[in-house]
Amino acid sequence: LILYFICNNNKLPSLASVLIKISVGAFVLFAVYYIRLL
């Protein structure tokens, strides 16, 4: 997510798009594990 903002600010939209998709996927999986953990 941090790298996404860096790439977005440096006008690298294609790389930023890939990073944000992977970041969202990681956070979704994290949320699943967090619910199981709770």
PDB file of all heavy atoms in Angstrom:
ATOM      1  N   LEU A   1       0.833  -1.209   0.000  1.00  0.00           N
ATOM      2  CA  LEU A   1       0.000   0.000   0.000  1.00  0.00           C
ATOM      3  C   LEU A   1       0.867   1.259   0.000  1.00  0.00           C
ATOM      4  O   LEU A   1       0.581   2.226  -0.725  1.00  0.00           O
ATOM      5  CB  LEU A   1      -0.926  -0.007   1.217  1.00  0.00           C
ATOM      6  CG  LEU A   1      -1.951   1.133   1.301  1.00  0.00           C
ATOM      7  CD1 LEU A   1      -2.929   1.066   0.126  1.00  0.00           C
ATOM      8  CD2 LEU A   1      -2.709   1.077   2.621  1.00  0.00           C
ATOM      9  N   ILE A   2       1.928   1.230   0.789  1.00  0.00           N
ATOM     10  CA  ILE A   2       2.868   2.369   0.819  1.00  0.00           C
ATOM     11  C   ILE A   2       3.537   2.526  -0.551  1.00  0.00           C
ATOM     12  O   ILE A   2       3.665   3.640  -1.079  1.00  0.00           O
ATOM     13  CB  ILE A   2       3.921   2.168   1.928  1.00  0.00           C
ATOM     14  CG1 ILE A   2       3.253   2.225   3.311  1.00  0.00           C
ATOM     15  CG2 ILE A   2       5.023   3.222   1.840  1.00  0.00           C
ATOM     16  CD1 ILE A   2       4.132   1.747   4.444  1.00  0.00           C
ATOM     17  N   LEU A   3       3.956   1.395  -1.136  1.00  0.00           N
ATOM     18  CA  LEU A   3       4.582   1.442  -2.470  1.00  0.00           C
ATOM     19  C   LEU A   3       3.603   1.942  -3.529  1.00  0.00           C
ATOM     20  O   LEU A   3       3.998   2.629  -4.482  1.00  0.00           O
ATOM     21  CB  LEU A   3       5.098   0.056  -2.852  1.00  0.00           C
ATOM     22  CG  LEU A   3       6.299  -0.468  -2.045  1.00  0.00           C
ATOM     23  CD1 LEU A   3       6.600  -1.911  -2.422  1.00  0.00           C
ATOM     24  CD2 LEU A   3       7.529   0.409  -2.292  1.00  0.00           C
ATOM     25  N   TYR A   4       2.307   1.605  -3.359  1.00  0.00           N
ATOM     26  CA  TYR A   4       1.287   2.091  -4.293  1.00  0.00           C
ATOM     27  C   TYR A   4       1.234   3.615  -4.299  1.00  0.00           C
ATOM     28  O   TYR A   4       1.214   4.255  -5.362  1.00  0.00           O
ATOM     29  CB  TYR A   4      -0.078   1.514  -3.919  1.00  0.00           C
ATOM     30  CG  TYR A   4      -1.237   2.309  -4.465  1.00  0.00           C
ATOM     31  CD1 TYR A   4      -1.577   2.259  -5.817  1.00  0.00           C
ATOM     32  CD2 TYR A   4      -1.981   3.144  -3.623  1.00  0.00           C
ATOM     33  CE1 TYR A   4      -2.633   3.005  -6.321  1.00  0.00           C
ATOM     34  CE2 TYR A   4      -3.031   3.893  -4.121  1.00  0.00           C
ATOM     35  CZ  TYR A   4      -3.356   3.818  -5.470  1.00  0.00           C
ATOM     36  OH  TYR A   4      -4.390   4.567  -5.960  1.00  0.00           O
ATOM     37  N   PHE A   5       1.208   4.223  -3.096  1.00  0.00           N
ATOM     38  CA  PHE A   5       1.160   5.687  -3.006  1.00  0.00           C
ATOM     39  C   PHE A   5       2.428   6.312  -3.590  1.00  0.00           C
ATOM     40  O   PHE A   5       2.366   7.365  -4.234  1.00  0.00           O
ATOM     41  CB  PHE A   5       0.964   6.124  -1.557  1.00  0.00           C
ATOM     42  CG  PHE A   5      -0.433   5.930  -1.049  1.00  0.00           C
ATOM     43  CD1 PHE A   5      -0.709   5.009  -0.045  1.00  0.00           C
ATOM     44  CD2 PHE A   5      -1.477   6.651  -1.588  1.00  0.00           C
ATOM     45  CE1 PHE A   5      -2.000   4.827   0.419  1.00  0.00           C
ATOM     46  CE2 PHE A   5      -2.779   6.471  -1.140  1.00  0.00           C
ATOM     47  CZ  PHE A   5      -3.044   5.557  -0.136  1.00  0.00           C
ATOM     48  N   ILE A   6       3.570   5.663  -3.361  1.00  0.00           N
ATOM     49  CA  ILE A   6       4.837   6.184  -3.916  1.00  0.00           C
ATOM     50  C   ILE A   6       4.790   6.156  -5.444  1.00  0.00           C
ATOM     51  O   ILE A   6       5.132   7.137  -6.116  1.00  0.00           O
ATOM     52  CB  ILE A   6       6.034   5.367  -3.387  1.00  0.00           C
ATOM     53  CG1 ILE A   6       6.206   5.595  -1.867  1.00  0.00           C
ATOM     54  CG2 ILE A   6       7.319   5.748  -4.118  1.00  0.00           C
ATOM     55  CD1 ILE A   6       7.202   4.674  -1.213  1.00  0.00           C
ATOM     56  N   CYS A   7       4.357   5.025  -6.011  1.00  0.00           N
ATOM     57  CA  CYS A   7       4.284   4.894  -7.477  1.00  0.00           C
ATOM     58  C   CYS A   7       3.228   5.832  -8.065  1.00  0.00           C
ATOM     59  O   CYS A   7       3.426   6.409  -9.135  1.00  0.00           O
ATOM     60  CB  CYS A   7       3.959   3.447  -7.866  1.00  0.00           C
ATOM     61  SG  CYS A   7       5.285   2.290  -7.473  1.00  0.00           S
ATOM     62  N   ASN A   8       2.117   5.972  -7.375  1.00  0.00           N
ATOM     63  CA  ASN A   8       1.052   6.849  -7.846  1.00  0.00           C
ATOM     64  C   ASN A   8       1.510   8.302  -7.888  1.00  0.00           C
ATOM     65  O   ASN A   8       1.201   9.040  -8.825  1.00  0.00           O
ATOM     66  CB  ASN A   8      -0.169   6.706  -6.937  1.00  0.00           C
ATOM     67  CG  ASN A   8      -1.428   7.207  -7.601  1.00  0.00           C
ATOM     68  OD1 ASN A   8      -1.611   7.054  -8.797  1.00  0.00           O
ATOM     69  ND2 ASN A   8      -2.301   7.807  -6.831  1.00  0.00           N
ATOM     70  N   ASN A   9       2.263   8.716  -6.861  1.00  0.00           N
ATOM     71  CA  ASN A   9       2.777  10.088  -6.817  1.00  0.00           C
ATOM     72  C   ASN A   9       3.880  10.323  -7.841  1.00  0.00           C
ATOM     73  O   ASN A   9       4.107  11.459  -8.256  1.00  0.00           O
ATOM     74  CB  ASN A   9       3.310  10.417  -5.418  1.00  0.00           C
ATOM     75  CG  ASN A   9       2.208  10.541  -4.398  1.00  0.00           C
ATOM     76  OD1 ASN A   9       1.076  10.854  -4.748  1.00  0.00           O
ATOM     77  ND2 ASN A   9       2.500  10.282  -3.136  1.00  0.00           N
ATOM     78  N   ASN A  10       4.578   9.258  -8.216  1.00  0.00           N
ATOM     79  CA  ASN A  10       5.652   9.385  -9.203  1.00  0.00           C
ATOM     80  C   ASN A  10       5.186   9.039 -10.615  1.00  0.00           C
ATOM     81  O   ASN A  10       6.003   8.749 -11.491  1.00  0.00           O
ATOM     82  CB  ASN A  10       6.832   8.483  -8.807  1.00  0.00           C
ATOM     83  CG  ASN A  10       7.589   9.035  -7.608  1.00  0.00           C
ATOM     84  OD1 ASN A  10       8.404   9.936  -7.741  1.00  0.00           O
ATOM     85  ND2 ASN A  10       7.315   8.504  -6.426  1.00  0.00           N
ATOM     86  N   LYS A  11       3.859   9.037 -10.812  1.00  0.00           N
ATOM     87  CA  LYS A  11       3.257   8.842 -12.127  1.00  0.00           C
ATOM     88  C   LYS A  11       3.665   7.519 -12.772  1.00  0.00           C
ATOM     89  O   LYS A  11       4.159   7.462 -13.898  1.00  0.00           O
ATOM     90  CB  LYS A  11       3.597  10.021 -13.049  1.00  0.00           C
ATOM     91  CG  LYS A  11       3.037  11.345 -12.544  1.00  0.00           C
ATOM     92  CD  LYS A  11       3.374  12.493 -13.466  1.00  0.00           C
ATOM     93  CE  LYS A  11       2.804  13.802 -12.924  1.00  0.00           C
ATOM     94  NZ  LYS A  11       3.130  14.953 -13.792  1.00  0.00           N
ATOM     95  N   LEU A  12       3.461   6.427 -12.001  1.00  0.00           N
ATOM     96  CA  LEU A  12       3.659   5.067 -12.521  1.00  0.00           C
ATOM     97  C   LEU A  12       2.336   4.317 -12.360  1.00  0.00           C
ATOM     98  O   LEU A  12       2.196   3.430 -11.502  1.00  0.00           O
ATOM     99  CB  LEU A  12       4.786   4.360 -11.765  1.00  0.00           C
ATOM    100  CG  LEU A  12       6.187   4.993 -11.874  1.00  0.00           C
ATOM    101  CD1 LEU A  12       7.145   4.358 -10.888  1.00  0.00           C
ATOM    102  CD2 LEU A  12       6.713   4.838 -13.309  1.00  0.00           C
ATOM    103  N   PRO A  13       1.308   4.675 -13.139  1.00  0.00           N
ATOM    104  CA  PRO A  13      -0.042   4.138 -12.908  1.00  0.00           C
ATOM    105  C   PRO A  13      -0.158   2.632 -13.080  1.00  0.00           C
ATOM    106  O   PRO A  13      -0.885   1.975 -12.348  1.00  0.00           O
ATOM    107  CB  PRO A  13      -0.897   4.889 -13.950  1.00  0.00           C
ATOM    108  CG  PRO A  13       0.067   5.332 -14.998  1.00  0.00           C
ATOM    109  CD  PRO A  13       1.360   5.582 -14.283  1.00  0.00           C
ATOM    110  N   SER A  14       0.548   2.056 -14.067  1.00  0.00           N
ATOM    111  CA  SER A  14       0.432   0.610 -14.304  1.00  0.00           C
ATOM    112  C   SER A  14       0.974  -0.185 -13.120  1.00  0.00           C
ATOM    113  O   SER A  14       0.339  -1.135 -12.643  1.00  0.00           O
ATOM    114  CB  SER A  14       1.178   0.227 -15.585  1.00  0.00           C
ATOM    115  OG  SER A  14       2.535   0.653 -15.516  1.00  0.00           O
ATOM    116  N   LEU A  15       2.158   0.212 -12.637  1.00  0.00           N
ATOM    117  CA  LEU A  15       2.743  -0.472 -11.483  1.00  0.00           C
ATOM    118  C   LEU A  15       1.900  -0.240 -10.231  1.00  0.00           C
ATOM    119  O   LEU A  15       1.698  -1.162  -9.421  1.00  0.00           O
ATOM    120  CB  LEU A  15       4.179   0.032 -11.263  1.00  0.00           C
ATOM    121  CG  LEU A  15       4.968  -0.621 -10.120  1.00  0.00           C
ATOM    122  CD1 LEU A  15       5.056  -2.135 -10.314  1.00  0.00           C
ATOM    123  CD2 LEU A  15       6.371  -0.019 -10.023  1.00  0.00           C
ATOM    124  N   ALA A  16       1.393   0.991 -10.074  1.00  0.00           N
ATOM    125  CA  ALA A  16       0.557   1.312  -8.917  1.00  0.00           C
ATOM    126  C   ALA A  16      -0.712   0.467  -8.912  1.00  0.00           C
ATOM    127  O   ALA A  16      -1.158  -0.006  -7.860  1.00  0.00           O
ATOM    128  CB  ALA A  16       0.210   2.797  -8.920  1.00  0.00           C
ATOM    129  N   SER A  17      -1.291   0.243 -10.099  1.00  0.00           N
ATOM    130  CA  SER A  17      -2.511  -0.568 -10.214  1.00  0.00           C
ATOM    131  C   SER A  17      -2.258  -2.011  -9.770  1.00  0.00           C
ATOM    132  O   SER A  17      -3.067  -2.606  -9.057  1.00  0.00           O
ATOM    133  CB  SER A  17      -3.005  -0.537 -11.658  1.00  0.00           C
ATOM    134  OG  SER A  17      -4.116  -1.362 -11.818  1.00  0.00           O
ATOM    135  N   VAL A  18      -1.124  -2.585 -10.188  1.00  0.00           N
ATOM    136  CA  VAL A  18      -0.763  -3.955  -9.788  1.00  0.00           C
ATOM    137  C   VAL A  18      -0.559  -4.034  -8.280  1.00  0.00           C
ATOM    138  O   VAL A  18      -1.052  -4.955  -7.604  1.00  0.00           O
ATOM    139  CB  VAL A  18       0.507  -4.413 -10.535  1.00  0.00           C
ATOM    140  CG1 VAL A  18       0.978  -5.767 -10.004  1.00  0.00           C
ATOM    141  CG2 VAL A  18       0.253  -4.496 -12.030  1.00  0.00           C
ATOM    142  N   LEU A  19       0.161  -3.049  -7.723  1.00  0.00           N
ATOM    143  CA  LEU A  19       0.465  -3.049  -6.287  1.00  0.00           C
ATOM    144  C   LEU A  19      -0.798  -2.956  -5.445  1.00  0.00           C
ATOM    145  O   LEU A  19      -0.929  -3.654  -4.436  1.00  0.00           O
ATOM    146  CB  LEU A  19       1.411  -1.890  -5.958  1.00  0.00           C
ATOM    147  CG  LEU A  19       2.856  -2.020  -6.466  1.00  0.00           C
ATOM    148  CD1 LEU A  19       3.613  -0.721  -6.257  1.00  0.00           C
ATOM    149  CD2 LEU A  19       3.579  -3.164  -5.765  1.00  0.00           C
ATOM    150  N   ILE A  20      -1.736  -2.076  -5.837  1.00  0.00           N
ATOM    151  CA  ILE A  20      -2.950  -1.903  -5.035  1.00  0.00           C
ATOM    152  C   ILE A  20      -3.825  -3.155  -5.086  1.00  0.00           C
ATOM    153  O   ILE A  20      -4.472  -3.523  -4.087  1.00  0.00           O
ATOM    154  CB  ILE A  20      -3.741  -0.650  -5.487  1.00  0.00           C
ATOM    155  CG1 ILE A  20      -4.822  -0.285  -4.461  1.00  0.00           C
ATOM    156  CG2 ILE A  20      -4.352  -0.831  -6.846  1.00  0.00           C
ATOM    157  CD1 ILE A  20      -4.308   0.111  -3.116  1.00  0.00           C
ATOM    158  N   LYS A  21      -3.827  -3.849  -6.221  1.00  0.00           N
ATOM    159  CA  LYS A  21      -4.613  -5.087  -6.323  1.00  0.00           C
ATOM    160  C   LYS A  21      -4.048  -6.173  -5.412  1.00  0.00           C
ATOM    161  O   LYS A  21      -4.790  -6.857  -4.700  1.00  0.00           O
ATOM    162  CB  LYS A  21      -4.641  -5.574  -7.768  1.00  0.00           C
ATOM    163  CG  LYS A  21      -5.523  -4.720  -8.673  1.00  0.00           C
ATOM    164  CD  LYS A  21      -5.448  -5.178 -10.121  1.00  0.00           C
ATOM    165  CE  LYS A  21      -6.286  -4.272 -11.028  1.00  0.00           C
ATOM    166  NZ  LYS A  21      -6.159  -4.645 -12.449  1.00  0.00           N
ATOM    167  N   ILE A  22      -2.717  -6.323  -5.424  1.00  0.00           N
ATOM    168  CA  ILE A  22      -2.089  -7.330  -4.548  1.00  0.00           C
ATOM    169  C   ILE A  22      -2.276  -6.941  -3.085  1.00  0.00           C
ATOM    170  O   ILE A  22      -2.527  -7.797  -2.228  1.00  0.00           O
ATOM    171  CB  ILE A  22      -0.588  -7.473  -4.882  1.00  0.00           C
ATOM    172  CG1 ILE A  22      -0.397  -7.922  -6.339  1.00  0.00           C
ATOM    173  CG2 ILE A  22       0.081  -8.471  -3.943  1.00  0.00           C
ATOM    174  CD1 ILE A  22       1.039  -7.927  -6.807  1.00  0.00           C
ATOM    175  N   SER A  23      -2.163  -5.632  -2.801  1.00  0.00           N
ATOM    176  CA  SER A  23      -2.331  -5.149  -1.426  1.00  0.00           C
ATOM    177  C   SER A  23      -3.739  -5.442  -0.917  1.00  0.00           C
ATOM    178  O   SER A  23      -3.914  -5.922   0.210  1.00  0.00           O
ATOM    179  CB  SER A  23      -2.048  -3.646  -1.366  1.00  0.00           C
ATOM    180  OG  SER A  23      -2.290  -3.140  -0.079  1.00  0.00           O
ATOM    181  N   VAL A  24      -4.749  -5.155  -1.739  1.00  0.00           N
ATOM    182  CA  VAL A  24      -6.140  -5.428  -1.343  1.00  0.00           C
ATOM    183  C   VAL A  24      -6.340  -6.919  -1.117  1.00  0.00           C
ATOM    184  O   VAL A  24      -6.996  -7.342  -0.146  1.00  0.00           O
ATOM    185  CB  VAL A  24      -7.110  -4.887  -2.413  1.00  0.00           C
ATOM    186  CG1 VAL A  24      -8.528  -5.385  -2.156  1.00  0.00           C
ATOM    187  CG2 VAL A  24      -7.088  -3.364  -2.433  1.00  0.00           C
ATOM    188  N   GLY A  25      -5.771  -7.743  -2.010  1.00  0.00           N
ATOM    189  CA  GLY A  25      -5.869  -9.199  -1.842  1.00  0.00           C
ATOM    190  C   GLY A  25      -5.247  -9.669  -0.544  1.00  0.00           C
ATOM    191  O   GLY A  25      -5.820 -10.519   0.170  1.00  0.00           O
ATOM    192  N   ALA A  26      -4.066  -9.116  -0.211  1.00  0.00           N
ATOM    193  CA  ALA A  26      -3.391  -9.476   1.050  1.00  0.00           C
ATOM    194  C   ALA A  26      -4.231  -9.074   2.249  1.00  0.00           C
ATOM    195  O   ALA A  26      -4.353  -9.834   3.226  1.00  0.00           O
ATOM    196  CB  ALA A  26      -2.011  -8.809   1.109  1.00  0.00           C
ATOM    197  N   PHE A  27      -4.836  -7.893   2.188  1.00  0.00           N
ATOM    198  CA  PHE A  27      -5.668  -7.426   3.308  1.00  0.00           C
ATOM    199  C   PHE A  27      -6.944  -8.263   3.454  1.00  0.00           C
ATOM    200  O   PHE A  27      -7.408  -8.500   4.571  1.00  0.00           O
ATOM    201  CB  PHE A  27      -6.022  -5.946   3.132  1.00  0.00           C
ATOM    202  CG  PHE A  27      -4.943  -5.000   3.591  1.00  0.00           C
ATOM    203  CD1 PHE A  27      -4.450  -4.019   2.742  1.00  0.00           C
ATOM    204  CD2 PHE A  27      -4.419  -5.097   4.877  1.00  0.00           C
ATOM    205  CE1 PHE A  27      -3.448  -3.153   3.157  1.00  0.00           C
ATOM    206  CE2 PHE A  27      -3.421  -4.227   5.310  1.00  0.00           C
ATOM    207  CZ  PHE A  27      -2.929  -3.257   4.455  1.00  0.00           C
ATOM    208  N   VAL A  28      -7.498  -8.703   2.324  1.00  0.00           N
ATOM    209  CA  VAL A  28      -8.696  -9.566   2.386  1.00  0.00           C
ATOM    210  C   VAL A  28      -8.356 -10.892   3.059  1.00  0.00           C
ATOM    211  O   VAL A  28      -9.087 -11.376   3.940  1.00  0.00           O
ATOM    212  CB  VAL A  28      -9.273  -9.783   0.971  1.00  0.00           C
ATOM    213  CG1 VAL A  28     -10.340 -10.883   0.995  1.00  0.00           C
ATOM    214  CG2 VAL A  28      -9.860  -8.492   0.427  1.00  0.00           C
ATOM    215  N   LEU A  29      -7.231 -11.502   2.643  1.00  0.00           N
ATOM    216  CA  LEU A  29      -6.794 -12.756   3.275  1.00  0.00           C
ATOM    217  C   LEU A  29      -6.475 -12.544   4.750  1.00  0.00           C
ATOM    218  O   LEU A  29      -6.775 -13.401   5.589  1.00  0.00           O
ATOM    219  CB  LEU A  29      -5.568 -13.305   2.539  1.00  0.00           C
ATOM    220  CG  LEU A  29      -5.816 -13.878   1.141  1.00  0.00           C
ATOM    221  CD1 LEU A  29      -4.492 -14.231   0.471  1.00  0.00           C
ATOM    222  CD2 LEU A  29      -6.711 -15.114   1.223  1.00  0.00           C
ATOM    223  N   PHE A  30      -5.860 -11.392   5.061  1.00  0.00           N
ATOM    224  CA  PHE A  30      -5.579 -11.073   6.462  1.00  0.00           C
ATOM    225  C   PHE A  30      -6.869 -11.000   7.272  1.00  0.00           C
ATOM    226  O   PHE A  30      -6.937 -11.513   8.397  1.00  0.00           O
ATOM    227  CB  PHE A  30      -4.824  -9.743   6.555  1.00  0.00           C
ATOM    228  CG  PHE A  30      -4.928  -9.078   7.900  1.00  0.00           C
ATOM    229  CD1 PHE A  30      -4.273  -9.605   9.009  1.00  0.00           C
ATOM    230  CD2 PHE A  30      -5.701  -7.934   8.072  1.00  0.00           C
ATOM    231  CE1 PHE A  30      -4.383  -9.008  10.250  1.00  0.00           C
ATOM    232  CE2 PHE A  30      -5.815  -7.333   9.303  1.00  0.00           C
ATOM    233  CZ  PHE A  30      -5.155  -7.864  10.404  1.00  0.00           C
ATOM    234  N   ALA A  31      -7.901 -10.359   6.699  1.00  0.00           N
ATOM    235  CA  ALA A  31      -9.184 -10.238   7.403  1.00  0.00           C
ATOM    236  C   ALA A  31      -9.788 -11.615   7.676  1.00  0.00           C
ATOM    237  O   ALA A  31     -10.345 -11.864   8.757  1.00  0.00           O
ATOM    238  CB  ALA A  31     -10.151  -9.383   6.582  1.00  0.00           C
ATOM    239  N   VAL A  32      -9.651 -12.532   6.699  1.00  0.00           N
ATOM    240  CA  VAL A  32     -10.159 -13.902   6.882  1.00  0.00           C
ATOM    241  C   VAL A  32      -9.428 -14.588   8.035  1.00  0.00           C
ATOM    242  O   VAL A  32     -10.052 -15.189   8.928  1.00  0.00           O
ATOM    243  CB  VAL A  32      -9.996 -14.710   5.580  1.00  0.00           C
ATOM    244  CG1 VAL A  32     -10.336 -16.180   5.817  1.00  0.00           C
ATOM    245  CG2 VAL A  32     -10.874 -14.127   4.479  1.00  0.00           C
ATOM    246  N   TYR A  33      -8.088 -14.501   8.032  1.00  0.00           N
ATOM    247  CA  TYR A  33      -7.302 -15.120   9.101  1.00  0.00           C
ATOM    248  C   TYR A  33      -7.586 -14.453  10.445  1.00  0.00           C
ATOM    249  O   TYR A  33      -7.593 -15.120  11.487  1.00  0.00           O
ATOM    250  CB  TYR A  33      -5.803 -15.032   8.770  1.00  0.00           C
ATOM    251  CG  TYR A  33      -5.293 -16.247   8.045  1.00  0.00           C
ATOM    252  CD1 TYR A  33      -5.202 -16.264   6.656  1.00  0.00           C
ATOM    253  CD2 TYR A  33      -4.915 -17.389   8.740  1.00  0.00           C
ATOM    254  CE1 TYR A  33      -4.740 -17.379   5.977  1.00  0.00           C
ATOM    255  CE2 TYR A  33      -4.455 -18.518   8.072  1.00  0.00           C
ATOM    256  CZ  TYR A  33      -4.367 -18.507   6.695  1.00  0.00           C
ATOM    257  OH  TYR A  33      -3.923 -19.630   6.037  1.00  0.00           O
ATOM    258  N   TYR A  34      -7.817 -13.147  10.426  1.00  0.00           N
ATOM    259  CA  TYR A  34      -8.080 -12.436  11.675  1.00  0.00           C
ATOM    260  C   TYR A  34      -9.406 -12.881  12.287  1.00  0.00           C
ATOM    261  O   TYR A  34      -9.515 -13.062  13.506  1.00  0.00           O
ATOM    262  CB  TYR A  34      -8.094 -10.928  11.416  1.00  0.00           C
ATOM    263  CG  TYR A  34      -8.112 -10.098  12.679  1.00  0.00           C
ATOM    264  CD1 TYR A  34      -6.958  -9.925  13.433  1.00  0.00           C
ATOM    265  CD2 TYR A  34      -9.281  -9.489  13.121  1.00  0.00           C
ATOM    266  CE1 TYR A  34      -6.966  -9.173  14.594  1.00  0.00           C
ATOM    267  CE2 TYR A  34      -9.302  -8.733  14.275  1.00  0.00           C
ATOM    268  CZ  TYR A  34      -8.135  -8.569  15.010  1.00  0.00           C
ATOM    269  OH  TYR A  34      -8.154  -7.832  16.170  1.00  0.00           O
ATOM    270  N   ILE A  35     -10.424 -13.086  11.428  1.00  0.00           N
ATOM    271  CA  ILE A  35     -11.726 -13.565  11.923  1.00  0.00           C
ATOM    272  C   ILE A  35     -11.575 -14.968  12.518  1.00  0.00           C
ATOM    273  O   ILE A  35     -12.122 -15.268  13.594  1.00  0.00           O
ATOM    274  CB  ILE A  35     -12.767 -13.552  10.782  1.00  0.00           C
ATOM    275  CG1 ILE A  35     -13.078 -12.101  10.379  1.00  0.00           C
ATOM    276  CG2 ILE A  35     -14.044 -14.271  11.203  1.00  0.00           C
ATOM    277  CD1 ILE A  35     -13.848 -11.967   9.084  1.00  0.00           C
ATOM    278  N   ARG A  36     -10.822 -15.838  11.826  1.00  0.00           N
ATOM    279  CA  ARG A  36     -10.581 -17.190  12.353  1.00  0.00           C
ATOM    280  C   ARG A  36      -9.807 -17.131  13.662  1.00  0.00           C
ATOM    281  O   ARG A  36     -10.063 -17.892  14.603  1.00  0.00           O
ATOM    282  CB  ARG A  36      -9.805 -18.007  11.323  1.00  0.00           C
ATOM    283  CG  ARG A  36     -10.609 -18.331  10.062  1.00  0.00           C
ATOM    284  CD  ARG A  36      -9.781 -19.086   9.055  1.00  0.00           C
ATOM    285  NE  ARG A  36      -9.344 -20.377   9.569  1.00  0.00           N
ATOM    286  CZ  ARG A  36      -8.477 -21.173   8.947  1.00  0.00           C
ATOM    287  NH1 ARG A  36      -7.965 -20.797   7.775  1.00  0.00           N
ATOM    288  NH2 ARG A  36      -8.122 -22.328   9.475  1.00  0.00           N
ATOM    289  N   LEU A  37      -8.869 -16.200  13.728  1.00  0.00           N
ATOM    290  CA  LEU A  37      -8.053 -16.028  14.939  1.00  0.00           C
ATOM    291  C   LEU A  37      -8.924 -15.591  16.113  1.00  0.00           C
ATOM    292  O   LEU A  37      -8.775 -16.078  17.244  1.00  0.00           O
ATOM    293  CB  LEU A  37      -6.970 -14.984  14.654  1.00  0.00           C
ATOM    294  CG  LEU A  37      -5.889 -14.726  15.699  1.00  0.00           C
ATOM    295  CD1 LEU A  37      -4.574 -14.423  15.006  1.00  0.00           C
ATOM    296  CD2 LEU A  37      -6.259 -13.533  16.561  1.00  0.00           C
ATOM    297  N   LEU A  38      -9.869 -14.657  15.856  1.00  0.00           N
ATOM    298  CA  LEU A  38     -10.782 -14.200  16.913  1.00  0.00           C
ATOM    299  C   LEU A  38     -11.674 -15.344  17.385  1.00  0.00           C
ATOM    300  O   LEU A  38     -11.914 -15.500  18.591  1.00  0.00           O
ATOM    301  CB  LEU A  38     -11.640 -13.039  16.406  1.00  0.00           C
ATOM    302  CG  LEU A  38     -10.936 -11.719  16.080  1.00  0.00           C
ATOM    303  CD1 LEU A  38     -11.949 -10.653  15.727  1.00  0.00           C
ATOM    304  CD2 LEU A  38     -10.094 -11.250  17.255  1.00  0.00           C
TER     305      LEU A  38
END
